[in-house]
């Protein structure tokens, strides 16, 4: 794992959480950044594919501040780090990595998850993350295949997913991610241009991927 993507306070917290969170896995942008090294990521988002006792988790980690708590969801702050614990009933397709005693979702699962997230409300960092996957690790065809493997059985509207890939309005005012050395030259305009230019390729692989 490329630990430079995390601030020291997050790394220190990981060491404290490891023995308390063996049933959860780390996913989202932080899991991806740890494997690609393309940007700084500060939040720790943990998921589990079965129902869990939110109060039990709260008592295990003893957060300094609770932002939101309800069935299947806990958003909080511990040692200056934002944490999320979420019930997510779509299982992983690939074995997670083990890092510092924590399960970390494989980049392939995060790639699928990122397309799903973009279809709901794509933040600027999500566009950068999918772009990073394609530039540094994979290609459009594989990313679409990974998405269909993980979410193809759900009722997600694939045409809505396609439209979300070139819907930038919600992301325009988002802060820019802090890019690291292998992605320093990636401008927001170049990222948007990539999705606009390759939309047809996404369409062929998403829609035809279902028909094949």
N, C-alpha and C. Protein backbone atom coordinates (compact mmCIF):
# COMPACT_ATOMS: atom_id res chain seq x y z
N UNK A 1 0.83 -1.19 0.00
CA UNK A 1 0.00 0.00 0.00
C UNK A 1 0.88 1.26 0.00
N UNK A 2 0.39 2.30 -0.64
CA UNK A 2 1.14 3.56 -0.75
C UNK A 2 0.66 4.48 0.37
N UNK A 3 1.35 4.44 1.50
CA UNK A 3 0.87 5.11 2.71
C UNK A 3 1.00 6.62 2.66
N UNK A 4 1.77 7.15 1.70
CA UNK A 4 1.94 8.60 1.61
C UNK A 4 0.64 9.33 1.32
N UNK A 5 -0.38 8.62 0.87
CA UNK A 5 -1.66 9.27 0.53
C UNK A 5 -2.45 9.66 1.78
N UNK A 6 -2.07 9.13 2.93
CA UNK A 6 -2.80 9.39 4.17
C UNK A 6 -2.00 10.29 5.10
N UNK A 7 -2.67 11.22 5.79
CA UNK A 7 -1.97 12.00 6.82
C UNK A 7 -1.60 11.11 8.00
N UNK A 8 -0.62 11.55 8.77
CA UNK A 8 -0.14 10.74 9.90
C UNK A 8 -1.25 10.42 10.89
N UNK A 9 -2.16 11.37 11.11
CA UNK A 9 -3.22 11.13 12.10
C UNK A 9 -4.12 9.98 11.67
N UNK A 10 -4.33 9.83 10.36
CA UNK A 10 -5.15 8.72 9.87
C UNK A 10 -4.40 7.39 10.01
N UNK A 11 -3.11 7.40 9.71
CA UNK A 11 -2.31 6.18 9.87
C UNK A 11 -2.28 5.73 11.33
N UNK A 12 -2.12 6.69 12.23
CA UNK A 12 -2.10 6.36 13.66
C UNK A 12 -3.44 5.78 14.10
N UNK A 13 -4.53 6.33 13.56
CA UNK A 13 -5.85 5.84 13.94
C UNK A 13 -6.08 4.43 13.40
N UNK A 14 -5.60 4.16 12.19
CA UNK A 14 -5.72 2.82 11.62
C UNK A 14 -5.14 1.78 12.58
N UNK A 15 -3.99 2.09 13.14
CA UNK A 15 -3.35 1.15 14.07
C UNK A 15 -4.23 0.88 15.29
N UNK A 16 -4.96 1.91 15.74
CA UNK A 16 -5.83 1.74 16.90
C UNK A 16 -7.09 0.95 16.54
N UNK A 17 -7.57 1.12 15.31
CA UNK A 17 -8.85 0.53 14.93
C UNK A 17 -8.73 -0.92 14.49
N UNK A 18 -7.55 -1.34 14.08
CA UNK A 18 -7.40 -2.64 13.43
C UNK A 18 -8.01 -3.79 14.22
N UNK A 19 -7.71 -3.89 15.49
CA UNK A 19 -8.19 -5.03 16.28
C UNK A 19 -9.67 -4.90 16.64
N UNK A 20 -10.26 -3.73 16.38
CA UNK A 20 -11.66 -3.51 16.75
C UNK A 20 -12.61 -3.65 15.56
N UNK A 21 -12.08 -3.73 14.35
CA UNK A 21 -12.93 -3.66 13.16
C UNK A 21 -12.66 -4.79 12.19
N UNK A 22 -12.46 -5.99 12.69
CA UNK A 22 -12.08 -7.08 11.81
C UNK A 22 -13.20 -7.54 10.89
N UNK A 23 -14.44 -7.14 11.14
CA UNK A 23 -15.54 -7.54 10.27
C UNK A 23 -15.83 -6.51 9.18
N UNK A 24 -15.23 -5.33 9.26
CA UNK A 24 -15.44 -4.28 8.27
C UNK A 24 -14.28 -4.26 7.27
N UNK A 25 -14.53 -3.64 6.12
CA UNK A 25 -13.44 -3.41 5.16
C UNK A 25 -13.42 -1.94 4.76
N UNK A 26 -12.23 -1.44 4.49
CA UNK A 26 -12.04 -0.06 4.04
C UNK A 26 -12.25 -0.01 2.53
N UNK A 27 -13.05 0.96 2.08
CA UNK A 27 -13.30 1.10 0.64
C UNK A 27 -13.29 2.59 0.29
N UNK A 28 -13.91 2.94 -0.84
CA UNK A 28 -13.97 4.34 -1.22
C UNK A 28 -12.64 4.88 -1.73
N UNK A 29 -12.55 6.21 -1.74
CA UNK A 29 -11.38 6.87 -2.30
C UNK A 29 -10.09 6.57 -1.58
N UNK A 30 -10.17 6.37 -0.27
CA UNK A 30 -8.95 6.07 0.49
C UNK A 30 -8.39 4.70 0.12
N UNK A 31 -9.26 3.71 0.00
CA UNK A 31 -8.80 2.38 -0.42
C UNK A 31 -8.16 2.44 -1.80
N UNK A 32 -8.76 3.23 -2.68
CA UNK A 32 -8.21 3.36 -4.03
C UNK A 32 -6.87 4.09 -4.03
N UNK A 33 -6.79 5.18 -3.29
CA UNK A 33 -5.55 5.95 -3.24
C UNK A 33 -4.41 5.13 -2.65
N UNK A 34 -4.70 4.30 -1.67
CA UNK A 34 -3.67 3.44 -1.09
C UNK A 34 -3.06 2.51 -2.14
N UNK A 35 -3.85 2.15 -3.15
CA UNK A 35 -3.38 1.21 -4.17
C UNK A 35 -2.84 1.89 -5.43
N UNK A 36 -3.33 3.10 -5.73
CA UNK A 36 -2.88 3.81 -6.93
C UNK A 36 -1.91 4.94 -6.62
N UNK A 37 -2.03 5.54 -5.45
CA UNK A 37 -1.13 6.62 -5.06
C UNK A 37 -1.34 7.91 -5.81
N UNK A 38 -2.55 8.15 -6.33
CA UNK A 38 -2.77 9.30 -7.20
C UNK A 38 -3.18 10.57 -6.48
N UNK A 39 -3.74 10.45 -5.26
CA UNK A 39 -4.17 11.66 -4.55
C UNK A 39 -4.17 11.42 -3.04
N UNK A 40 -4.16 12.52 -2.32
CA UNK A 40 -4.29 12.47 -0.87
C UNK A 40 -5.74 12.17 -0.52
N UNK A 41 -5.94 11.35 0.49
CA UNK A 41 -7.29 11.05 0.97
C UNK A 41 -7.26 11.00 2.49
N UNK A 42 -8.22 11.65 3.12
CA UNK A 42 -8.17 11.82 4.57
C UNK A 42 -9.26 11.05 5.31
N UNK A 43 -10.37 10.76 4.66
CA UNK A 43 -11.49 10.10 5.33
C UNK A 43 -11.32 8.59 5.29
N UNK A 44 -11.85 7.92 6.28
CA UNK A 44 -11.82 6.46 6.34
C UNK A 44 -13.25 5.95 6.30
N UNK A 45 -13.61 5.29 5.21
CA UNK A 45 -14.97 4.78 5.01
C UNK A 45 -14.95 3.26 5.10
N UNK A 46 -15.62 2.73 6.13
CA UNK A 46 -15.66 1.30 6.36
C UNK A 46 -17.05 0.75 6.02
N UNK A 47 -17.05 -0.43 5.41
CA UNK A 47 -18.30 -1.04 4.97
C UNK A 47 -18.39 -2.47 5.49
N UNK A 48 -19.63 -2.95 5.54
CA UNK A 48 -19.88 -4.34 5.91
C UNK A 48 -21.13 -4.78 5.16
N UNK A 49 -21.16 -6.03 4.69
CA UNK A 49 -22.29 -6.47 3.86
C UNK A 49 -23.36 -7.22 4.65
N UNK A 50 -23.35 -7.03 5.96
CA UNK A 50 -24.42 -7.59 6.79
C UNK A 50 -24.79 -6.57 7.86
N UNK A 51 -25.98 -6.70 8.39
CA UNK A 51 -26.44 -5.74 9.40
C UNK A 51 -25.50 -5.75 10.61
N UNK A 52 -25.30 -4.58 11.19
CA UNK A 52 -24.42 -4.49 12.36
C UNK A 52 -25.04 -3.59 13.42
N UNK A 53 -24.60 -3.75 14.63
CA UNK A 53 -25.08 -2.98 15.77
C UNK A 53 -24.31 -1.66 15.83
N UNK A 54 -24.97 -0.58 15.46
CA UNK A 54 -24.30 0.72 15.41
C UNK A 54 -23.80 1.13 16.79
N UNK A 55 -24.58 0.86 17.81
CA UNK A 55 -24.17 1.22 19.17
C UNK A 55 -22.92 0.45 19.59
N UNK A 56 -22.83 -0.80 19.16
CA UNK A 56 -21.66 -1.61 19.49
C UNK A 56 -20.41 -1.00 18.86
N UNK A 57 -20.51 -0.59 17.59
CA UNK A 57 -19.37 0.03 16.91
C UNK A 57 -19.00 1.34 17.60
N UNK A 58 -20.00 2.13 17.93
CA UNK A 58 -19.74 3.41 18.60
C UNK A 58 -18.99 3.19 19.91
N UNK A 59 -19.41 2.20 20.66
CA UNK A 59 -18.76 1.93 21.95
C UNK A 59 -17.36 1.34 21.79
N UNK A 60 -17.11 0.71 20.64
CA UNK A 60 -15.79 0.14 20.39
C UNK A 60 -14.77 1.20 20.01
N UNK A 61 -15.20 2.19 19.23
CA UNK A 61 -14.23 3.18 18.74
C UNK A 61 -14.22 4.46 19.58
N UNK A 62 -15.28 4.69 20.37
CA UNK A 62 -15.37 5.86 21.25
C UNK A 62 -15.06 7.16 20.49
N UNK A 63 -15.91 7.55 19.55
CA UNK A 63 -15.64 8.75 18.74
C UNK A 63 -15.65 10.02 19.58
N UNK A 64 -14.91 11.03 19.12
CA UNK A 64 -14.91 12.33 19.78
C UNK A 64 -16.16 13.13 19.43
N UNK A 65 -16.70 12.88 18.24
CA UNK A 65 -17.88 13.60 17.78
C UNK A 65 -18.69 12.69 16.86
N UNK A 66 -20.00 12.71 17.01
CA UNK A 66 -20.89 11.94 16.13
C UNK A 66 -21.62 12.91 15.21
N UNK A 67 -21.45 12.73 13.91
CA UNK A 67 -22.11 13.59 12.93
C UNK A 67 -23.49 13.07 12.57
N UNK A 68 -23.63 11.75 12.48
CA UNK A 68 -24.90 11.14 12.12
C UNK A 68 -24.90 9.69 12.58
N UNK A 69 -26.02 9.27 13.15
CA UNK A 69 -26.13 7.88 13.59
C UNK A 69 -27.56 7.41 13.37
N UNK A 70 -27.69 6.28 12.70
CA UNK A 70 -28.98 5.64 12.48
C UNK A 70 -28.72 4.18 12.12
N UNK A 71 -29.76 3.44 11.91
CA UNK A 71 -29.59 2.02 11.60
C UNK A 71 -28.70 1.84 10.37
N UNK A 72 -27.64 1.08 10.54
CA UNK A 72 -26.75 0.78 9.43
C UNK A 72 -25.79 1.89 9.04
N UNK A 73 -25.75 2.98 9.81
CA UNK A 73 -24.91 4.12 9.43
C UNK A 73 -24.37 4.83 10.66
N UNK A 74 -23.07 5.09 10.65
CA UNK A 74 -22.44 5.91 11.67
C UNK A 74 -21.39 6.79 11.01
N UNK A 75 -21.57 8.10 11.11
CA UNK A 75 -20.57 9.06 10.66
C UNK A 75 -20.06 9.78 11.90
N UNK A 76 -18.75 9.82 12.07
CA UNK A 76 -18.19 10.39 13.28
C UNK A 76 -16.77 10.90 13.05
N UNK A 77 -16.20 11.48 14.09
CA UNK A 77 -14.83 11.98 14.05
C UNK A 77 -14.07 11.39 15.23
N UNK A 78 -12.88 10.89 14.97
CA UNK A 78 -12.02 10.32 16.00
C UNK A 78 -10.59 10.79 15.75
N UNK A 79 -9.99 11.43 16.74
CA UNK A 79 -8.60 11.91 16.62
C UNK A 79 -8.41 12.81 15.40
N UNK A 80 -9.45 13.60 15.09
CA UNK A 80 -9.36 14.53 13.97
C UNK A 80 -9.58 13.92 12.60
N UNK A 81 -9.99 12.65 12.55
CA UNK A 81 -10.21 11.95 11.28
C UNK A 81 -11.69 11.64 11.13
N UNK A 82 -12.25 11.93 9.96
CA UNK A 82 -13.65 11.60 9.69
C UNK A 82 -13.77 10.11 9.37
N UNK A 83 -14.70 9.46 10.06
CA UNK A 83 -14.94 8.03 9.89
C UNK A 83 -16.38 7.78 9.50
N UNK A 84 -16.59 6.78 8.66
CA UNK A 84 -17.94 6.32 8.34
C UNK A 84 -17.98 4.80 8.45
N UNK A 85 -19.06 4.30 9.01
CA UNK A 85 -19.31 2.86 9.10
C UNK A 85 -20.68 2.62 8.49
N UNK A 86 -20.72 1.81 7.42
CA UNK A 86 -21.93 1.70 6.62
C UNK A 86 -22.27 0.26 6.29
N UNK A 87 -23.55 -0.06 6.40
CA UNK A 87 -24.05 -1.34 5.90
C UNK A 87 -24.26 -1.20 4.40
N UNK A 88 -23.63 -2.10 3.63
CA UNK A 88 -23.68 -2.05 2.17
C UNK A 88 -23.90 -3.47 1.70
N UNK A 89 -25.11 -3.78 1.22
CA UNK A 89 -25.50 -5.17 1.01
C UNK A 89 -25.05 -5.76 -0.32
N UNK A 90 -24.13 -5.11 -1.01
CA UNK A 90 -23.56 -5.67 -2.24
C UNK A 90 -22.18 -6.23 -1.90
N UNK A 91 -22.00 -7.53 -1.93
CA UNK A 91 -20.71 -8.10 -1.50
C UNK A 91 -19.57 -7.78 -2.45
N UNK A 92 -18.36 -7.89 -1.94
CA UNK A 92 -17.17 -7.71 -2.76
C UNK A 92 -17.03 -8.87 -3.74
N UNK A 93 -16.46 -8.58 -4.91
CA UNK A 93 -16.20 -9.62 -5.91
C UNK A 93 -14.79 -10.17 -5.81
N UNK A 94 -13.89 -9.41 -5.19
CA UNK A 94 -12.48 -9.79 -5.10
C UNK A 94 -12.07 -9.86 -3.63
N UNK A 95 -11.14 -10.75 -3.31
CA UNK A 95 -10.67 -10.82 -1.92
C UNK A 95 -10.03 -9.49 -1.51
N UNK A 96 -10.35 -8.99 -0.34
CA UNK A 96 -9.72 -7.74 0.11
C UNK A 96 -8.27 -7.96 0.50
N UNK A 97 -7.49 -6.89 0.42
CA UNK A 97 -6.12 -6.92 0.91
C UNK A 97 -6.13 -6.75 2.43
N UNK A 98 -5.09 -7.21 3.07
CA UNK A 98 -4.92 -6.96 4.50
C UNK A 98 -3.75 -6.00 4.66
N UNK A 99 -4.01 -4.87 5.28
CA UNK A 99 -2.99 -3.83 5.46
C UNK A 99 -3.10 -3.28 6.88
N UNK A 100 -2.04 -3.37 7.62
CA UNK A 100 -2.01 -2.92 9.02
C UNK A 100 -3.16 -3.54 9.83
N UNK A 101 -3.51 -4.75 9.49
CA UNK A 101 -4.58 -5.44 10.20
C UNK A 101 -5.98 -5.09 9.75
N UNK A 102 -6.09 -4.22 8.72
CA UNK A 102 -7.39 -3.77 8.21
C UNK A 102 -7.63 -4.40 6.84
N UNK A 103 -8.87 -4.83 6.58
CA UNK A 103 -9.23 -5.29 5.25
C UNK A 103 -9.43 -4.07 4.34
N UNK A 104 -8.85 -4.13 3.16
CA UNK A 104 -8.96 -3.03 2.18
C UNK A 104 -9.53 -3.60 0.88
N UNK A 105 -10.64 -3.05 0.42
CA UNK A 105 -11.25 -3.53 -0.81
C UNK A 105 -10.28 -3.39 -1.98
N UNK A 106 -10.23 -4.40 -2.84
CA UNK A 106 -9.37 -4.37 -4.02
C UNK A 106 -9.80 -3.23 -4.95
N UNK A 107 -8.84 -2.70 -5.70
CA UNK A 107 -9.16 -1.57 -6.58
C UNK A 107 -10.26 -1.93 -7.57
N UNK A 108 -10.36 -3.22 -7.95
CA UNK A 108 -11.40 -3.63 -8.89
C UNK A 108 -12.79 -3.39 -8.32
N UNK A 109 -12.97 -3.72 -7.03
CA UNK A 109 -14.26 -3.48 -6.39
C UNK A 109 -14.52 -1.99 -6.22
N UNK A 110 -13.49 -1.24 -5.90
CA UNK A 110 -13.66 0.21 -5.75
C UNK A 110 -14.00 0.85 -7.09
N UNK A 111 -13.43 0.35 -8.17
CA UNK A 111 -13.75 0.87 -9.50
C UNK A 111 -15.24 0.75 -9.79
N UNK A 112 -15.79 -0.42 -9.50
CA UNK A 112 -17.23 -0.62 -9.70
C UNK A 112 -18.04 0.31 -8.80
N UNK A 113 -17.61 0.41 -7.58
CA UNK A 113 -18.28 1.27 -6.59
C UNK A 113 -18.27 2.74 -7.03
N UNK A 114 -17.16 3.18 -7.63
CA UNK A 114 -17.04 4.58 -8.04
C UNK A 114 -18.02 4.92 -9.15
N UNK A 115 -18.22 4.03 -10.11
CA UNK A 115 -19.22 4.29 -11.15
C UNK A 115 -20.61 4.38 -10.54
N UNK A 116 -20.88 3.52 -9.58
CA UNK A 116 -22.18 3.57 -8.89
C UNK A 116 -22.33 4.90 -8.16
N UNK A 117 -21.30 5.35 -7.48
CA UNK A 117 -21.35 6.62 -6.75
C UNK A 117 -21.58 7.77 -7.70
N UNK A 118 -20.91 7.77 -8.85
CA UNK A 118 -21.07 8.85 -9.82
C UNK A 118 -22.49 8.91 -10.35
N UNK A 119 -23.17 7.78 -10.43
CA UNK A 119 -24.55 7.78 -10.92
C UNK A 119 -25.51 8.40 -9.91
N UNK A 120 -25.07 8.53 -8.66
CA UNK A 120 -25.92 9.11 -7.62
C UNK A 120 -25.63 10.59 -7.42
N UNK A 121 -24.36 10.93 -7.34
CA UNK A 121 -23.94 12.34 -7.25
C UNK A 121 -22.43 12.36 -7.34
N UNK A 122 -21.93 12.58 -8.54
CA UNK A 122 -20.50 12.50 -8.75
C UNK A 122 -19.77 13.73 -8.23
N UNK A 123 -18.92 13.55 -7.24
CA UNK A 123 -18.07 14.62 -6.76
C UNK A 123 -16.84 14.71 -7.67
N UNK A 124 -16.15 15.84 -7.61
CA UNK A 124 -14.97 16.02 -8.45
C UNK A 124 -13.95 14.91 -8.21
N UNK A 125 -13.77 14.54 -6.95
CA UNK A 125 -12.79 13.48 -6.63
C UNK A 125 -13.19 12.14 -7.25
N UNK A 126 -14.50 11.90 -7.43
CA UNK A 126 -14.93 10.64 -8.04
C UNK A 126 -14.54 10.58 -9.51
N UNK A 127 -14.71 11.70 -10.22
CA UNK A 127 -14.28 11.74 -11.62
C UNK A 127 -12.77 11.50 -11.71
N UNK A 128 -12.02 12.15 -10.84
CA UNK A 128 -10.58 11.96 -10.82
C UNK A 128 -10.22 10.51 -10.50
N UNK A 129 -10.97 9.90 -9.60
CA UNK A 129 -10.66 8.52 -9.21
C UNK A 129 -10.86 7.54 -10.37
N UNK A 130 -11.98 7.67 -11.08
CA UNK A 130 -12.22 6.78 -12.22
C UNK A 130 -11.19 7.04 -13.32
N UNK A 131 -10.88 8.30 -13.53
CA UNK A 131 -9.85 8.66 -14.51
C UNK A 131 -8.51 8.01 -14.12
N UNK A 132 -8.18 8.07 -12.84
CA UNK A 132 -6.92 7.48 -12.35
C UNK A 132 -6.89 5.97 -12.58
N UNK A 133 -7.99 5.31 -12.32
CA UNK A 133 -8.05 3.86 -12.53
C UNK A 133 -7.73 3.52 -13.98
N UNK A 134 -8.32 4.28 -14.90
CA UNK A 134 -8.13 4.00 -16.32
C UNK A 134 -6.73 4.39 -16.79
N UNK A 135 -6.20 5.47 -16.27
CA UNK A 135 -4.87 5.92 -16.68
C UNK A 135 -3.74 5.07 -16.08
N UNK A 136 -3.92 4.62 -14.84
CA UNK A 136 -2.82 3.99 -14.11
C UNK A 136 -2.93 2.48 -13.96
N UNK A 137 -4.14 1.94 -14.11
CA UNK A 137 -4.31 0.54 -13.71
C UNK A 137 -5.09 -0.31 -14.72
N UNK A 138 -5.96 0.28 -15.50
CA UNK A 138 -6.93 -0.52 -16.22
C UNK A 138 -7.28 0.14 -17.55
N UNK A 139 -8.48 -0.12 -18.04
CA UNK A 139 -9.00 0.54 -19.24
C UNK A 139 -10.52 0.60 -19.14
N UNK A 140 -11.14 1.28 -20.08
CA UNK A 140 -12.59 1.49 -20.02
C UNK A 140 -13.33 0.16 -20.05
N UNK A 141 -12.91 -0.73 -20.91
CA UNK A 141 -13.61 -2.01 -21.03
C UNK A 141 -13.60 -2.77 -19.72
N UNK A 142 -12.45 -2.86 -19.08
CA UNK A 142 -12.37 -3.61 -17.82
C UNK A 142 -13.18 -2.94 -16.72
N UNK A 143 -13.13 -1.61 -16.64
CA UNK A 143 -13.90 -0.90 -15.62
C UNK A 143 -15.39 -1.17 -15.79
N UNK A 144 -15.87 -1.16 -17.02
CA UNK A 144 -17.28 -1.44 -17.27
C UNK A 144 -17.62 -2.88 -16.91
N UNK A 145 -16.73 -3.80 -17.24
CA UNK A 145 -16.94 -5.20 -16.89
C UNK A 145 -17.00 -5.39 -15.38
N UNK A 146 -16.11 -4.73 -14.67
CA UNK A 146 -16.11 -4.82 -13.20
C UNK A 146 -17.40 -4.27 -12.62
N UNK A 147 -17.88 -3.19 -13.19
CA UNK A 147 -19.14 -2.60 -12.71
C UNK A 147 -20.30 -3.57 -12.93
N UNK A 148 -20.37 -4.17 -14.10
CA UNK A 148 -21.46 -5.09 -14.40
C UNK A 148 -21.39 -6.34 -13.54
N UNK A 149 -20.17 -6.80 -13.25
CA UNK A 149 -20.03 -7.98 -12.40
C UNK A 149 -20.55 -7.72 -11.00
N UNK A 150 -20.35 -6.51 -10.52
CA UNK A 150 -20.74 -6.22 -9.14
C UNK A 150 -22.17 -5.71 -9.03
N UNK A 151 -22.62 -4.93 -10.01
CA UNK A 151 -23.93 -4.29 -9.89
C UNK A 151 -24.91 -4.64 -11.00
N UNK A 152 -24.49 -5.48 -11.95
CA UNK A 152 -25.36 -5.81 -13.07
C UNK A 152 -26.64 -6.51 -12.67
N UNK A 153 -26.64 -7.18 -11.52
CA UNK A 153 -27.83 -7.90 -11.06
C UNK A 153 -28.82 -6.99 -10.33
N UNK A 154 -28.43 -5.75 -10.08
CA UNK A 154 -29.30 -4.81 -9.38
C UNK A 154 -30.19 -4.09 -10.39
N UNK A 155 -31.05 -3.22 -9.89
CA UNK A 155 -31.98 -2.52 -10.79
C UNK A 155 -31.43 -1.19 -11.27
N UNK A 156 -30.13 -1.00 -11.24
CA UNK A 156 -29.53 0.26 -11.65
C UNK A 156 -29.77 0.51 -13.14
N UNK A 157 -30.06 1.76 -13.48
CA UNK A 157 -30.32 2.17 -14.85
C UNK A 157 -28.99 2.50 -15.53
N UNK A 158 -28.60 1.69 -16.49
CA UNK A 158 -27.29 1.87 -17.12
C UNK A 158 -27.22 3.16 -17.94
N UNK A 159 -28.34 3.57 -18.51
CA UNK A 159 -28.32 4.82 -19.27
C UNK A 159 -28.14 6.02 -18.34
N UNK A 160 -28.67 5.91 -17.14
CA UNK A 160 -28.44 6.96 -16.15
C UNK A 160 -26.97 7.00 -15.75
N UNK A 161 -26.36 5.84 -15.62
CA UNK A 161 -24.93 5.78 -15.31
C UNK A 161 -24.14 6.49 -16.40
N UNK A 162 -24.48 6.23 -17.65
CA UNK A 162 -23.79 6.88 -18.77
C UNK A 162 -23.92 8.39 -18.72
N UNK A 163 -25.13 8.87 -18.49
CA UNK A 163 -25.36 10.32 -18.42
C UNK A 163 -24.55 10.95 -17.30
N UNK A 164 -24.42 10.23 -16.20
CA UNK A 164 -23.70 10.78 -15.04
C UNK A 164 -22.22 10.96 -15.34
N UNK A 165 -21.68 10.23 -16.30
CA UNK A 165 -20.26 10.32 -16.63
C UNK A 165 -19.90 11.65 -17.29
N UNK A 166 -20.90 12.34 -17.82
CA UNK A 166 -20.64 13.64 -18.44
C UNK A 166 -21.50 14.74 -17.80
N UNK A 167 -22.01 14.46 -16.62
CA UNK A 167 -22.76 15.48 -15.87
C UNK A 167 -21.83 16.04 -14.80
N UNK A 168 -21.29 17.22 -15.08
CA UNK A 168 -20.26 17.80 -14.21
C UNK A 168 -20.76 18.93 -13.32
N UNK A 169 -22.01 19.31 -13.48
CA UNK A 169 -22.51 20.50 -12.81
C UNK A 169 -22.35 20.44 -11.29
N UNK A 170 -22.71 19.32 -10.70
CA UNK A 170 -22.62 19.21 -9.23
C UNK A 170 -21.17 19.24 -8.75
N UNK A 171 -20.25 18.83 -9.61
CA UNK A 171 -18.85 18.72 -9.21
C UNK A 171 -18.06 20.01 -9.41
N UNK A 172 -18.59 20.93 -10.19
CA UNK A 172 -17.81 22.11 -10.57
C UNK A 172 -17.30 22.91 -9.37
N UNK A 173 -18.13 23.04 -8.34
CA UNK A 173 -17.75 23.86 -7.18
C UNK A 173 -17.02 23.07 -6.10
N UNK A 174 -16.84 21.78 -6.31
CA UNK A 174 -16.12 20.96 -5.33
C UNK A 174 -14.65 21.38 -5.27
N UNK A 175 -14.01 21.21 -4.13
CA UNK A 175 -12.57 21.47 -4.06
C UNK A 175 -11.79 20.49 -4.93
N UNK A 176 -10.63 20.92 -5.38
CA UNK A 176 -9.77 20.04 -6.17
C UNK A 176 -9.08 19.04 -5.25
N UNK A 177 -9.01 17.79 -5.66
CA UNK A 177 -8.23 16.84 -4.87
C UNK A 177 -6.76 17.20 -4.90
N UNK A 178 -6.05 16.85 -3.85
CA UNK A 178 -4.61 17.07 -3.81
C UNK A 178 -3.93 15.93 -4.54
N UNK A 179 -3.46 16.22 -5.74
CA UNK A 179 -2.87 15.19 -6.59
C UNK A 179 -1.41 14.95 -6.22
N UNK A 180 -0.98 13.71 -6.36
CA UNK A 180 0.40 13.35 -6.06
C UNK A 180 1.19 13.15 -7.35
N UNK A 181 2.43 12.77 -7.24
CA UNK A 181 3.38 12.88 -8.35
C UNK A 181 2.96 12.18 -9.63
N UNK A 182 2.27 11.05 -9.55
CA UNK A 182 1.92 10.35 -10.77
C UNK A 182 0.69 10.93 -11.46
N UNK A 183 0.11 11.99 -10.89
CA UNK A 183 -1.10 12.58 -11.48
C UNK A 183 -1.06 14.10 -11.47
N UNK A 184 0.10 14.68 -11.26
CA UNK A 184 0.23 16.13 -11.10
C UNK A 184 -0.33 16.92 -12.27
N UNK A 185 -0.22 16.40 -13.48
CA UNK A 185 -0.63 17.16 -14.66
C UNK A 185 -2.10 17.04 -15.02
N UNK A 186 -2.87 16.36 -14.21
CA UNK A 186 -4.27 16.13 -14.56
C UNK A 186 -5.12 17.34 -14.17
N UNK A 187 -5.53 18.11 -15.16
CA UNK A 187 -6.41 19.25 -14.90
C UNK A 187 -7.86 18.79 -14.92
N UNK A 188 -8.71 19.58 -14.32
CA UNK A 188 -10.14 19.28 -14.32
C UNK A 188 -10.68 19.28 -15.75
N UNK A 189 -10.22 20.21 -16.57
CA UNK A 189 -10.66 20.26 -17.97
C UNK A 189 -10.25 19.00 -18.73
N UNK A 190 -9.06 18.50 -18.46
CA UNK A 190 -8.61 17.29 -19.17
C UNK A 190 -9.39 16.07 -18.71
N UNK A 191 -9.77 16.03 -17.45
CA UNK A 191 -10.58 14.91 -16.94
C UNK A 191 -11.96 14.94 -17.58
N UNK A 192 -12.58 16.11 -17.62
CA UNK A 192 -13.90 16.23 -18.25
C UNK A 192 -13.85 15.86 -19.72
N UNK A 193 -12.82 16.34 -20.39
CA UNK A 193 -12.66 16.06 -21.82
C UNK A 193 -12.53 14.56 -22.07
N UNK A 194 -11.85 13.86 -21.19
CA UNK A 194 -11.70 12.42 -21.34
C UNK A 194 -13.05 11.72 -21.34
N UNK A 195 -13.89 12.05 -20.37
CA UNK A 195 -15.19 11.39 -20.28
C UNK A 195 -16.08 11.76 -21.47
N UNK A 196 -16.04 13.01 -21.89
CA UNK A 196 -16.85 13.42 -23.04
C UNK A 196 -16.38 12.72 -24.31
N UNK A 197 -15.08 12.62 -24.49
CA UNK A 197 -14.51 12.02 -25.69
C UNK A 197 -14.75 10.51 -25.75
N UNK A 198 -14.77 9.86 -24.60
CA UNK A 198 -14.86 8.40 -24.55
C UNK A 198 -16.23 7.89 -24.12
N UNK A 199 -17.23 8.76 -24.13
CA UNK A 199 -18.56 8.33 -23.68
C UNK A 199 -19.09 7.18 -24.52
N UNK A 200 -18.87 7.23 -25.82
CA UNK A 200 -19.35 6.16 -26.69
C UNK A 200 -18.71 4.82 -26.31
N UNK A 201 -17.44 4.85 -25.95
CA UNK A 201 -16.76 3.61 -25.55
C UNK A 201 -17.36 3.06 -24.25
N UNK A 202 -17.67 3.95 -23.32
CA UNK A 202 -18.36 3.50 -22.11
C UNK A 202 -19.71 2.88 -22.46
N UNK A 203 -20.44 3.52 -23.36
CA UNK A 203 -21.76 3.02 -23.74
C UNK A 203 -21.67 1.63 -24.36
N UNK A 204 -20.74 1.45 -25.28
CA UNK A 204 -20.58 0.14 -25.94
C UNK A 204 -20.30 -0.95 -24.92
N UNK A 205 -19.44 -0.66 -23.97
CA UNK A 205 -19.03 -1.69 -23.01
C UNK A 205 -20.04 -1.91 -21.89
N UNK A 206 -20.78 -0.88 -21.51
CA UNK A 206 -21.80 -1.06 -20.48
C UNK A 206 -23.05 -1.72 -21.05
N UNK A 207 -23.58 -1.18 -22.14
CA UNK A 207 -24.83 -1.70 -22.68
C UNK A 207 -24.62 -3.04 -23.37
N UNK A 208 -23.59 -3.14 -24.20
CA UNK A 208 -23.31 -4.41 -24.86
C UNK A 208 -22.86 -5.48 -23.88
N UNK A 209 -22.26 -5.03 -22.77
CA UNK A 209 -21.83 -5.97 -21.75
C UNK A 209 -22.99 -6.72 -21.14
N UNK A 210 -24.15 -6.07 -21.08
CA UNK A 210 -25.35 -6.72 -20.57
C UNK A 210 -25.91 -7.68 -21.60
N UNK A 211 -25.84 -7.28 -22.87
CA UNK A 211 -26.43 -8.10 -23.93
C UNK A 211 -25.61 -9.34 -24.26
N UNK A 212 -24.28 -9.26 -24.02
CA UNK A 212 -23.40 -10.39 -24.39
C UNK A 212 -23.74 -11.65 -23.59
